[in-house]
């Protein structure tokens, strides 16, 4: 994947990564399947499925709730751009959240997350968010 510096936690079947585009979804992450030939959701094996839905998503949801008090978790598996099994974990917010002086404003909290305005927050901010989540997840 080439994003080792964004790794939050390494699981048996998945890696949990901070998404490089945090604005406007503070705490957005990606669960990336480790199996090289993993492409489609219907190809997930039971161990991958159980780890994702039994461990990773609940741990992420709990961490983001405690850190940023998200209002709703979105979980999406699309595969339109990258043909590898991965899940987008997108926290949704009905009000502004602030991190390091940056206001994160969810443009449509009750609708699809895309399209959305992108902002380059810089490496230090992304790593700071990653480190907070990593500490919370353990």
C-alpha atoms as a PDB file:
ATOM      1  CA  UNK A   1       0.000   0.000   0.000  1.00  0.00           C
ATOM      2  CA  UNK A   2       2.915   2.386   0.612  1.00  0.00           C
ATOM      3  CA  UNK A   3       1.309   4.174   3.537  1.00  0.00           C
ATOM      4  CA  UNK A   4       3.168   2.571   6.462  1.00  0.00           C
ATOM      5  CA  UNK A   5       3.611   5.967   8.152  1.00  0.00           C
ATOM      6  CA  UNK A   6      -0.204   6.211   8.319  1.00  0.00           C
ATOM      7  CA  UNK A   7      -0.680   2.832  10.044  1.00  0.00           C
ATOM      8  CA  UNK A   8      -2.713   3.047  13.229  1.00  0.00           C
ATOM      9  CA  UNK A   9      -2.874  -0.649  14.063  1.00  0.00           C
ATOM     10  CA  UNK A  10      -1.751  -3.856  12.430  1.00  0.00           C
ATOM     11  CA  UNK A  11      -4.261  -6.688  12.750  1.00  0.00           C
ATOM     12  CA  UNK A  12      -3.933 -10.299  11.586  1.00  0.00           C
ATOM     13  CA  UNK A  13      -5.933  -9.813   8.357  1.00  0.00           C
ATOM     14  CA  UNK A  14      -6.156  -6.013   8.073  1.00  0.00           C
ATOM     15  CA  UNK A  15      -4.231  -2.821   8.556  1.00  0.00           C
ATOM     16  CA  UNK A  16      -6.056   0.187   9.978  1.00  0.00           C
ATOM     17  CA  UNK A  17      -4.749   3.444   8.498  1.00  0.00           C
ATOM     18  CA  UNK A  18      -5.537   7.093   8.947  1.00  0.00           C
ATOM     19  CA  UNK A  19      -6.903   8.431   5.668  1.00  0.00           C
ATOM     20  CA  UNK A  20      -4.591  11.074   4.179  1.00  0.00           C
ATOM     21  CA  UNK A  21      -7.602  13.352   3.539  1.00  0.00           C
ATOM     22  CA  UNK A  22      -8.908  14.224   6.993  1.00  0.00           C
ATOM     23  CA  UNK A  23     -10.854  17.312   6.020  1.00  0.00           C
ATOM     24  CA  UNK A  24     -13.788  17.543   6.551  1.00  0.00           C
ATOM     25  CA  UNK A  25     -14.090  14.116   8.224  1.00  0.00           C
ATOM     26  CA  UNK A  26     -11.907  14.223  11.335  1.00  0.00           C
ATOM     27  CA  UNK A  27     -10.933  10.647  12.211  1.00  0.00           C
ATOM     28  CA  UNK A  28     -11.548   9.151   8.764  1.00  0.00           C
ATOM     29  CA  UNK A  29      -9.718   5.865   8.362  1.00  0.00           C
ATOM     30  CA  UNK A  30      -9.256   2.963   5.948  1.00  0.00           C
ATOM     31  CA  UNK A  31      -9.197  -0.738   6.798  1.00  0.00           C
ATOM     32  CA  UNK A  32      -6.970  -2.393   4.163  1.00  0.00           C
ATOM     33  CA  UNK A  33      -7.029  -6.173   3.626  1.00  0.00           C
ATOM     34  CA  UNK A  34      -3.581  -7.746   3.885  1.00  0.00           C
ATOM     35  CA  UNK A  35      -4.318 -10.601   1.508  1.00  0.00           C
ATOM     36  CA  UNK A  36      -2.708  -9.621  -1.829  1.00  0.00           C
ATOM     37  CA  UNK A  37      -5.495 -11.133  -3.946  1.00  0.00           C
ATOM     38  CA  UNK A  38      -8.333  -9.580  -1.927  1.00  0.00           C
ATOM     39  CA  UNK A  39     -10.468  -7.566  -4.323  1.00  0.00           C
ATOM     40  CA  UNK A  40     -14.206  -7.870  -3.811  1.00  0.00           C
ATOM     41  CA  UNK A  41     -16.401  -7.748  -0.757  1.00  0.00           C
ATOM     42  CA  UNK A  42     -17.975 -11.083  -1.670  1.00  0.00           C
ATOM     43  CA  UNK A  43     -14.531 -12.693  -1.543  1.00  0.00           C
ATOM     44  CA  UNK A  44     -13.969 -11.881   2.147  1.00  0.00           C
ATOM     45  CA  UNK A  45     -13.282 -15.001   4.121  1.00  0.00           C
ATOM     46  CA  UNK A  46     -14.960 -15.534   7.514  1.00  0.00           C
ATOM     47  CA  UNK A  47     -11.825 -14.628   9.484  1.00  0.00           C
ATOM     48  CA  UNK A  48     -11.424 -11.350   7.573  1.00  0.00           C
ATOM     49  CA  UNK A  49     -15.108 -10.554   8.052  1.00  0.00           C
ATOM     50  CA  UNK A  50     -15.116 -11.369  11.767  1.00  0.00           C
ATOM     51  CA  UNK A  51     -11.973  -9.365  12.464  1.00  0.00           C
ATOM     52  CA  UNK A  52     -13.277  -6.359  10.531  1.00  0.00           C
ATOM     53  CA  UNK A  53     -16.791  -6.288  11.969  1.00  0.00           C
ATOM     54  CA  UNK A  54     -15.995  -7.777  15.380  1.00  0.00           C
ATOM     55  CA  UNK A  55     -12.791  -5.911  16.257  1.00  0.00           C
ATOM     56  CA  UNK A  56     -11.676  -3.167  13.890  1.00  0.00           C
ATOM     57  CA  UNK A  57     -14.861  -1.223  13.197  1.00  0.00           C
ATOM     58  CA  UNK A  58     -16.033  -1.309  16.845  1.00  0.00           C
ATOM     59  CA  UNK A  59     -12.571  -0.196  18.076  1.00  0.00           C
ATOM     60  CA  UNK A  60     -12.457   2.638  15.522  1.00  0.00           C
ATOM     61  CA  UNK A  61     -16.041   3.716  16.296  1.00  0.00           C
ATOM     62  CA  UNK A  62     -15.362   3.775  20.029  1.00  0.00           C
ATOM     63  CA  UNK A  63     -12.097   5.696  19.634  1.00  0.00           C
ATOM     64  CA  UNK A  64     -13.623   8.338  17.355  1.00  0.00           C
ATOM     65  CA  UNK A  65     -16.622   8.709  19.662  1.00  0.00           C
ATOM     66  CA  UNK A  66     -14.353   9.268  22.675  1.00  0.00           C
ATOM     67  CA  UNK A  67     -11.926  11.559  20.843  1.00  0.00           C
ATOM     68  CA  UNK A  68     -14.186  13.671  18.637  1.00  0.00           C
ATOM     69  CA  UNK A  69     -17.728  12.687  19.658  1.00  0.00           C
ATOM     70  CA  UNK A  70     -18.901  11.850  16.134  1.00  0.00           C
ATOM     71  CA  UNK A  71     -22.640  11.730  15.559  1.00  0.00           C
ATOM     72  CA  UNK A  72     -22.760   8.763  13.202  1.00  0.00           C
ATOM     73  CA  UNK A  73     -20.300   6.269  11.669  1.00  0.00           C
ATOM     74  CA  UNK A  74     -20.334   5.630   7.916  1.00  0.00           C
ATOM     75  CA  UNK A  75     -18.705   2.457   6.612  1.00  0.00           C
ATOM     76  CA  UNK A  76     -18.264   2.065   2.862  1.00  0.00           C
ATOM     77  CA  UNK A  77     -16.718  -0.531   0.581  1.00  0.00           C
ATOM     78  CA  UNK A  78     -16.617   0.799  -2.965  1.00  0.00           C
ATOM     79  CA  UNK A  79     -13.604  -0.361  -5.002  1.00  0.00           C
ATOM     80  CA  UNK A  80     -14.291   2.039  -7.862  1.00  0.00           C
ATOM     81  CA  UNK A  81     -10.834   3.583  -7.923  1.00  0.00           C
ATOM     82  CA  UNK A  82      -8.625   1.046  -6.143  1.00  0.00           C
ATOM     83  CA  UNK A  83      -9.256  -2.602  -6.951  1.00  0.00           C
ATOM     84  CA  UNK A  84      -8.260  -3.981  -3.582  1.00  0.00           C
ATOM     85  CA  UNK A  85     -10.513  -4.891  -0.668  1.00  0.00           C
ATOM     86  CA  UNK A  86     -10.672  -1.947   1.696  1.00  0.00           C
ATOM     87  CA  UNK A  87     -13.288  -0.168   3.759  1.00  0.00           C
ATOM     88  CA  UNK A  88     -13.689   3.553   4.351  1.00  0.00           C
ATOM     89  CA  UNK A  89     -14.555   4.425   7.957  1.00  0.00           C
ATOM     90  CA  UNK A  90     -16.006   7.918   7.896  1.00  0.00           C
ATOM     91  CA  UNK A  91     -17.219   9.742  11.000  1.00  0.00           C
ATOM     92  CA  UNK A  92     -20.090  12.168  10.431  1.00  0.00           C
ATOM     93  CA  UNK A  93     -20.703  15.341  12.385  1.00  0.00           C
ATOM     94  CA  UNK A  94     -23.762  17.573  12.808  1.00  0.00           C
ATOM     95  CA  UNK A  95     -21.680  20.402  14.251  1.00  0.00           C
ATOM     96  CA  UNK A  96     -18.168  21.807  13.942  1.00  0.00           C
ATOM     97  CA  UNK A  97     -15.226  19.922  15.465  1.00  0.00           C
ATOM     98  CA  UNK A  98     -11.916  21.677  16.088  1.00  0.00           C
ATOM     99  CA  UNK A  99      -8.490  20.062  16.057  1.00  0.00           C
ATOM    100  CA  UNK A 100      -5.284  22.130  16.348  1.00  0.00           C
ATOM    101  CA  UNK A 101      -7.151  25.301  15.423  1.00  0.00           C
ATOM    102  CA  UNK A 102      -8.799  23.796  12.331  1.00  0.00           C
ATOM    103  CA  UNK A 103     -12.600  23.747  12.124  1.00  0.00           C
ATOM    104  CA  UNK A 104     -13.864  20.525  10.574  1.00  0.00           C
ATOM    105  CA  UNK A 105     -17.311  21.119   9.101  1.00  0.00           C
ATOM    106  CA  UNK A 106     -19.257  18.182   7.648  1.00  0.00           C
ATOM    107  CA  UNK A 107     -20.993  19.777   4.636  1.00  0.00           C
ATOM    108  CA  UNK A 108     -23.923  17.326   4.472  1.00  0.00           C
ATOM    109  CA  UNK A 109     -24.118  15.241   7.648  1.00  0.00           C
ATOM    110  CA  UNK A 110     -27.354  13.554   6.588  1.00  0.00           C
ATOM    111  CA  UNK A 111     -26.267  12.711   3.032  1.00  0.00           C
ATOM    112  CA  UNK A 112     -23.522  10.935   1.114  1.00  0.00           C
ATOM    113  CA  UNK A 113     -20.072  12.043   2.230  1.00  0.00           C
ATOM    114  CA  UNK A 114     -18.896  12.634  -1.357  1.00  0.00           C
ATOM    115  CA  UNK A 115     -18.212  14.928  -3.026  1.00  0.00           C
ATOM    116  CA  UNK A 116     -16.542  17.121  -0.448  1.00  0.00           C
ATOM    117  CA  UNK A 117     -14.078  19.999  -0.222  1.00  0.00           C
ATOM    118  CA  UNK A 118     -10.485  18.824   0.255  1.00  0.00           C
ATOM    119  CA  UNK A 119      -7.867  20.731   2.209  1.00  0.00           C
ATOM    120  CA  UNK A 120      -4.194  19.901   2.584  1.00  0.00           C
ATOM    121  CA  UNK A 121      -3.730  19.862   6.341  1.00  0.00           C
ATOM    122  CA  UNK A 122      -0.052  18.992   6.232  1.00  0.00           C
ATOM    123  CA  UNK A 123       1.834  15.975   7.473  1.00  0.00           C
ATOM    124  CA  UNK A 124       2.055  17.025  11.130  1.00  0.00           C
ATOM    125  CA  UNK A 125      -1.712  17.439  11.537  1.00  0.00           C
ATOM    126  CA  UNK A 126      -2.429  14.065   9.873  1.00  0.00           C
ATOM    127  CA  UNK A 127       0.133  12.321  12.067  1.00  0.00           C
ATOM    128  CA  UNK A 128      -1.263  14.088  15.146  1.00  0.00           C
ATOM    129  CA  UNK A 129      -4.747  12.744  14.407  1.00  0.00           C
ATOM    130  CA  UNK A 130      -3.303   9.293  13.704  1.00  0.00           C
ATOM    131  CA  UNK A 131      -1.389   9.305  17.002  1.00  0.00           C
ATOM    132  CA  UNK A 132      -4.511  10.256  18.988  1.00  0.00           C
ATOM    133  CA  UNK A 133      -6.502   7.403  17.441  1.00  0.00           C
ATOM    134  CA  UNK A 134      -3.612   4.962  17.845  1.00  0.00           C
ATOM    135  CA  UNK A 135      -3.306   5.799  21.534  1.00  0.00           C
ATOM    136  CA  UNK A 136      -7.035   5.319  22.029  1.00  0.00           C
ATOM    137  CA  UNK A 137      -7.193   1.989  20.161  1.00  0.00           C
ATOM    138  CA  UNK A 138      -4.024   0.632  21.752  1.00  0.00           C
END
